Amino acid sequence: MKIRLPPEVHAHVKEMASRQERSLNGHIVFLLRQEMEKEKASGPAVGSKPDASDSE
């Protein structure tokens, strides 16, 4: 999957990945998993909508 990031966001994530000795991809996966865990702990995010596949 390709994503576009603003240059300042890309630079920040790249720097944080380097500090934690992760690849850029590995750090993005780490951050996404953190968010997934937060959502599981607190329930769905505000403004989130169920997936269309959830409807009966």
N, C-alpha and C. Protein backbone atom coordinates (compact mmCIF):
# COMPACT_ATOMS: atom_id res chain seq x y z
N MET A 1 0.85 -1.16 0.00
CA MET A 1 0.00 0.00 0.00
C MET A 1 0.90 1.23 0.00
N LYS A 2 0.56 2.17 -0.82
CA LYS A 2 1.30 3.42 -0.86
C LYS A 2 0.46 4.48 -0.16
N ILE A 3 1.13 5.31 0.62
CA ILE A 3 0.45 6.45 1.25
C ILE A 3 1.28 7.70 0.99
N ARG A 4 0.61 8.82 0.95
CA ARG A 4 1.29 10.10 0.78
C ARG A 4 1.28 10.82 2.12
N LEU A 5 2.44 11.26 2.53
CA LEU A 5 2.57 12.00 3.77
C LEU A 5 3.12 13.38 3.47
N PRO A 6 2.66 14.40 4.20
CA PRO A 6 3.30 15.71 4.05
C PRO A 6 4.79 15.56 4.43
N PRO A 7 5.65 16.32 3.80
CA PRO A 7 7.09 16.18 4.05
C PRO A 7 7.48 16.25 5.52
N GLU A 8 6.85 17.15 6.28
CA GLU A 8 7.21 17.27 7.70
C GLU A 8 6.78 16.05 8.50
N VAL A 9 5.67 15.43 8.13
CA VAL A 9 5.21 14.20 8.81
C VAL A 9 6.16 13.05 8.46
N HIS A 10 6.51 12.95 7.20
CA HIS A 10 7.44 11.90 6.76
C HIS A 10 8.78 12.03 7.51
N ALA A 11 9.29 13.26 7.58
CA ALA A 11 10.57 13.48 8.27
C ALA A 11 10.48 13.11 9.74
N HIS A 12 9.37 13.47 10.37
CA HIS A 12 9.19 13.17 11.80
C HIS A 12 9.12 11.66 12.04
N VAL A 13 8.32 10.97 11.25
CA VAL A 13 8.17 9.52 11.43
C VAL A 13 9.49 8.82 11.13
N LYS A 14 10.19 9.28 10.11
CA LYS A 14 11.48 8.69 9.75
C LYS A 14 12.49 8.88 10.89
N GLU A 15 12.51 10.07 11.49
CA GLU A 15 13.41 10.33 12.62
C GLU A 15 13.07 9.46 13.82
N MET A 16 11.78 9.35 14.13
CA MET A 16 11.36 8.52 15.28
C MET A 16 11.70 7.05 15.03
N ALA A 17 11.53 6.59 13.80
CA ALA A 17 11.88 5.20 13.46
C ALA A 17 13.36 4.98 13.67
N SER A 18 14.17 5.93 13.23
CA SER A 18 15.62 5.82 13.39
C SER A 18 16.01 5.77 14.86
N ARG A 19 15.41 6.62 15.66
CA ARG A 19 15.71 6.66 17.11
C ARG A 19 15.38 5.33 17.78
N GLN A 20 14.34 4.67 17.30
CA GLN A 20 13.92 3.41 17.91
C GLN A 20 14.45 2.19 17.15
N GLU A 21 15.38 2.46 16.24
CA GLU A 21 16.04 1.41 15.46
C GLU A 21 15.04 0.51 14.73
N ARG A 22 14.07 1.17 14.09
CA ARG A 22 13.08 0.47 13.27
C ARG A 22 13.16 1.02 11.86
N SER A 23 12.68 0.23 10.92
CA SER A 23 12.51 0.75 9.56
C SER A 23 11.33 1.70 9.57
N LEU A 24 11.23 2.52 8.55
CA LEU A 24 10.09 3.43 8.44
C LEU A 24 8.79 2.63 8.42
N ASN A 25 8.76 1.57 7.62
CA ASN A 25 7.57 0.72 7.55
C ASN A 25 7.28 0.09 8.91
N GLY A 26 8.30 -0.43 9.56
CA GLY A 26 8.12 -1.06 10.87
C GLY A 26 7.57 -0.10 11.89
N HIS A 27 8.02 1.15 11.85
CA HIS A 27 7.53 2.14 12.80
C HIS A 27 6.08 2.52 12.52
N ILE A 28 5.71 2.63 11.25
CA ILE A 28 4.33 2.93 10.91
C ILE A 28 3.41 1.81 11.37
N VAL A 29 3.83 0.56 11.19
CA VAL A 29 3.05 -0.58 11.67
C VAL A 29 2.92 -0.51 13.19
N PHE A 30 4.02 -0.21 13.89
CA PHE A 30 4.01 -0.07 15.34
C PHE A 30 2.99 0.98 15.78
N LEU A 31 3.00 2.16 15.13
CA LEU A 31 2.08 3.23 15.49
C LEU A 31 0.62 2.84 15.23
N LEU A 32 0.37 2.18 14.10
CA LEU A 32 -0.99 1.74 13.80
C LEU A 32 -1.48 0.70 14.81
N ARG A 33 -0.60 -0.21 15.20
CA ARG A 33 -1.00 -1.22 16.20
C ARG A 33 -1.28 -0.57 17.55
N GLN A 34 -0.51 0.46 17.91
CA GLN A 34 -0.79 1.18 19.15
C GLN A 34 -2.19 1.77 19.11
N GLU A 35 -2.54 2.38 17.99
CA GLU A 35 -3.87 2.97 17.85
C GLU A 35 -4.96 1.90 17.90
N MET A 36 -4.70 0.75 17.31
CA MET A 36 -5.67 -0.34 17.36
C MET A 36 -5.91 -0.78 18.80
N GLU A 37 -4.84 -0.88 19.57
CA GLU A 37 -4.97 -1.29 20.97
C GLU A 37 -5.72 -0.24 21.78
N LYS A 38 -5.46 1.04 21.53
CA LYS A 38 -6.19 2.10 22.23
C LYS A 38 -7.68 2.02 21.93
N GLU A 39 -8.01 1.76 20.66
CA GLU A 39 -9.41 1.68 20.27
C GLU A 39 -10.08 0.48 20.93
N LYS A 40 -9.39 -0.66 20.99
CA LYS A 40 -9.95 -1.84 21.64
C LYS A 40 -10.23 -1.56 23.11
N ALA A 41 -9.32 -0.81 23.76
CA ALA A 41 -9.46 -0.54 25.18
C ALA A 41 -10.56 0.47 25.48
N SER A 42 -10.79 1.41 24.57
CA SER A 42 -11.75 2.47 24.86
C SER A 42 -13.02 2.42 24.03
N GLY A 43 -13.12 1.50 23.10
CA GLY A 43 -14.29 1.44 22.23
C GLY A 43 -14.01 2.18 20.94
N PRO A 44 -14.98 2.19 20.03
CA PRO A 44 -14.79 2.84 18.72
C PRO A 44 -14.44 4.31 18.85
N ALA A 45 -13.65 4.80 17.93
CA ALA A 45 -13.27 6.21 17.91
C ALA A 45 -14.48 7.07 17.62
N VAL A 46 -14.46 8.28 18.14
CA VAL A 46 -15.54 9.24 17.90
C VAL A 46 -15.62 9.51 16.40
N GLY A 47 -16.81 9.47 15.86
CA GLY A 47 -16.99 9.74 14.44
C GLY A 47 -16.76 8.53 13.56
N SER A 48 -16.42 7.39 14.14
CA SER A 48 -16.20 6.21 13.31
C SER A 48 -17.54 5.61 12.93
N LYS A 49 -17.58 5.02 11.77
CA LYS A 49 -18.80 4.41 11.28
C LYS A 49 -18.55 2.93 11.07
N PRO A 50 -19.55 2.10 11.30
CA PRO A 50 -19.36 0.67 11.05
C PRO A 50 -19.05 0.41 9.58
N ASP A 51 -18.32 -0.62 9.34
CA ASP A 51 -18.01 -1.05 7.98
C ASP A 51 -19.30 -1.50 7.30
N ALA A 52 -19.41 -1.25 6.02
CA ALA A 52 -20.62 -1.65 5.28
C ALA A 52 -20.88 -3.14 5.39
N SER A 53 -19.82 -3.93 5.55
CA SER A 53 -19.99 -5.39 5.66
C SER A 53 -20.64 -5.79 6.97
N ASP A 54 -20.70 -4.86 7.94
CA ASP A 54 -21.31 -5.15 9.24
C ASP A 54 -22.82 -5.10 9.20
N SER A 55 -23.39 -4.47 8.18
CA SER A 55 -24.84 -4.33 8.12
C SER A 55 -25.49 -5.63 7.66
N GLU A 56 -26.70 -5.86 8.14
CA GLU A 56 -27.41 -7.09 7.78
C GLU A 56 -28.45 -6.86 6.74
